[in-house]
Amino acid sequence: MAGKNNISDFEALKKWSSIPENLQQRLIDNVFCLNCGVTTIVDYSITADKFGILLKGKCKICGNEVARLIEDE
């Protein structure tokens, strides 16, 4: 995985772990940064959100704060 992970929510971790690794990597590598456009999220935490799982971290290129919501199906 890119960067270190800060897991802050057990329920979110269970959902994240149920996603195949290749899809997890595609999600990590497809995050929008206001400065850089599509980037990779690093140093992220995983938390539950009412819509699914929220990854919050930094842009691999510029260090700007970025987030990615993975919606429940």
C-alpha atoms as a PDB file:
ATOM      1  CA  MET A   1       0.000   0.000   0.000  1.00  0.00           C
ATOM      2  CA  ALA A   2       1.101   3.563  -0.612  1.00  0.00           C
ATOM      3  CA  GLY A   3       2.163   5.372   2.542  1.00  0.00           C
ATOM      4  CA  LYS A   4       1.480   4.522   6.135  1.00  0.00           C
ATOM      5  CA  ASN A   5      -2.076   3.852   7.236  1.00  0.00           C
ATOM      6  CA  ASN A   6      -3.847   5.186  10.308  1.00  0.00           C
ATOM      7  CA  ILE A   7      -6.872   3.007  10.943  1.00  0.00           C
ATOM      8  CA  SER A   8      -9.229   4.900  13.189  1.00  0.00           C
ATOM      9  CA  ASP A   9     -12.440   2.892  12.837  1.00  0.00           C
ATOM     10  CA  PHE A  10     -12.775  -0.892  13.172  1.00  0.00           C
ATOM     11  CA  GLU A  11     -16.038  -1.070  11.187  1.00  0.00           C
ATOM     12  CA  ALA A  12     -14.464   0.897   8.335  1.00  0.00           C
ATOM     13  CA  LEU A  13     -11.441  -1.423   8.411  1.00  0.00           C
ATOM     14  CA  LYS A  14     -13.725  -4.452   8.067  1.00  0.00           C
ATOM     15  CA  LYS A  15     -15.396  -2.904   5.007  1.00  0.00           C
ATOM     16  CA  TRP A  16     -12.029  -1.862   3.517  1.00  0.00           C
ATOM     17  CA  SER A  17     -10.613  -5.370   4.063  1.00  0.00           C
ATOM     18  CA  SER A  18     -13.551  -6.879   2.164  1.00  0.00           C
ATOM     19  CA  ILE A  19     -12.495  -4.992  -1.001  1.00  0.00           C
ATOM     20  CA  PRO A  20     -10.038  -6.975  -3.173  1.00  0.00           C
ATOM     21  CA  GLU A  21      -6.443  -5.656  -2.937  1.00  0.00           C
ATOM     22  CA  ASN A  22      -6.219  -4.778  -6.623  1.00  0.00           C
ATOM     23  CA  LEU A  23      -9.369  -2.631  -6.322  1.00  0.00           C
ATOM     24  CA  GLN A  24      -8.084  -1.028  -3.092  1.00  0.00           C
ATOM     25  CA  GLN A  25      -4.946   0.028  -4.971  1.00  0.00           C
ATOM     26  CA  ARG A  26      -6.984   1.457  -7.855  1.00  0.00           C
ATOM     27  CA  LEU A  27      -9.016   3.521  -5.365  1.00  0.00           C
ATOM     28  CA  ILE A  28      -5.847   4.756  -3.588  1.00  0.00           C
ATOM     29  CA  ASP A  29      -4.312   5.734  -6.941  1.00  0.00           C
ATOM     30  CA  ASN A  30      -7.429   7.585  -8.120  1.00  0.00           C
ATOM     31  CA  VAL A  31      -7.923  10.532  -5.749  1.00  0.00           C
ATOM     32  CA  PHE A  32      -8.488  14.154  -6.796  1.00  0.00           C
ATOM     33  CA  CYS A  33      -6.151  16.919  -5.577  1.00  0.00           C
ATOM     34  CA  LEU A  34      -7.004  20.585  -6.189  1.00  0.00           C
ATOM     35  CA  ASN A  35      -3.356  21.294  -7.074  1.00  0.00           C
ATOM     36  CA  CYS A  36      -2.365  18.173  -9.021  1.00  0.00           C
ATOM     37  CA  GLY A  37      -5.552  16.630 -10.407  1.00  0.00           C
ATOM     38  CA  VAL A  38      -5.683  12.833 -10.190  1.00  0.00           C
ATOM     39  CA  THR A  39      -3.124  11.573  -7.689  1.00  0.00           C
ATOM     40  CA  THR A  40      -2.325   8.884  -5.121  1.00  0.00           C
ATOM     41  CA  ILE A  41      -3.402   9.334  -1.500  1.00  0.00           C
ATOM     42  CA  VAL A  42      -0.686   8.683   1.126  1.00  0.00           C
ATOM     43  CA  ASP A  43      -0.544   8.792   4.934  1.00  0.00           C
ATOM     44  CA  TYR A  44      -4.277   8.176   5.032  1.00  0.00           C
ATOM     45  CA  SER A  45      -6.745   7.199   7.721  1.00  0.00           C
ATOM     46  CA  ILE A  46      -9.812   5.037   7.150  1.00  0.00           C
ATOM     47  CA  THR A  47     -13.078   5.987   8.849  1.00  0.00           C
ATOM     48  CA  ALA A  48     -16.733   5.058   8.480  1.00  0.00           C
ATOM     49  CA  ASP A  49     -19.026   7.577   6.845  1.00  0.00           C
ATOM     50  CA  LYS A  50     -22.802   7.446   6.530  1.00  0.00           C
ATOM     51  CA  PHE A  51     -22.299   6.783   2.808  1.00  0.00           C
ATOM     52  CA  GLY A  52     -19.447   4.226   3.095  1.00  0.00           C
ATOM     53  CA  ILE A  53     -15.710   4.450   3.861  1.00  0.00           C
ATOM     54  CA  LEU A  54     -13.743   7.699   3.912  1.00  0.00           C
ATOM     55  CA  LEU A  55     -10.009   7.818   3.192  1.00  0.00           C
ATOM     56  CA  LYS A  56      -8.425  11.069   4.412  1.00  0.00           C
ATOM     57  CA  GLY A  57      -4.768  11.780   3.776  1.00  0.00           C
ATOM     58  CA  LYS A  58      -2.286  13.685   1.647  1.00  0.00           C
ATOM     59  CA  CYS A  59      -1.502  14.024  -2.044  1.00  0.00           C
ATOM     60  CA  LYS A  60       1.585  12.002  -2.954  1.00  0.00           C
ATOM     61  CA  ILE A  61       2.820  14.817  -5.230  1.00  0.00           C
ATOM     62  CA  CYS A  62       2.282  18.085  -3.305  1.00  0.00           C
ATOM     63  CA  GLY A  63       1.238  17.031   0.218  1.00  0.00           C
ATOM     64  CA  ASN A  64      -2.113  18.831   0.006  1.00  0.00           C
ATOM     65  CA  GLU A  65      -4.951  17.305   2.052  1.00  0.00           C
ATOM     66  CA  VAL A  66      -7.142  14.986  -0.028  1.00  0.00           C
ATOM     67  CA  ALA A  67     -10.002  12.561   0.625  1.00  0.00           C
ATOM     68  CA  ARG A  68     -11.721   9.700  -1.165  1.00  0.00           C
ATOM     69  CA  LEU A  69     -15.193   8.391  -0.388  1.00  0.00           C
ATOM     70  CA  ILE A  70     -15.870   4.763  -1.239  1.00  0.00           C
ATOM     71  CA  GLU A  71     -19.637   4.443  -1.251  1.00  0.00           C
ATOM     72  CA  ASP A  72     -21.475   1.413   0.098  1.00  0.00           C
ATOM     73  CA  GLU A  73     -23.163  -0.605  -2.611  1.00  0.00           C
END
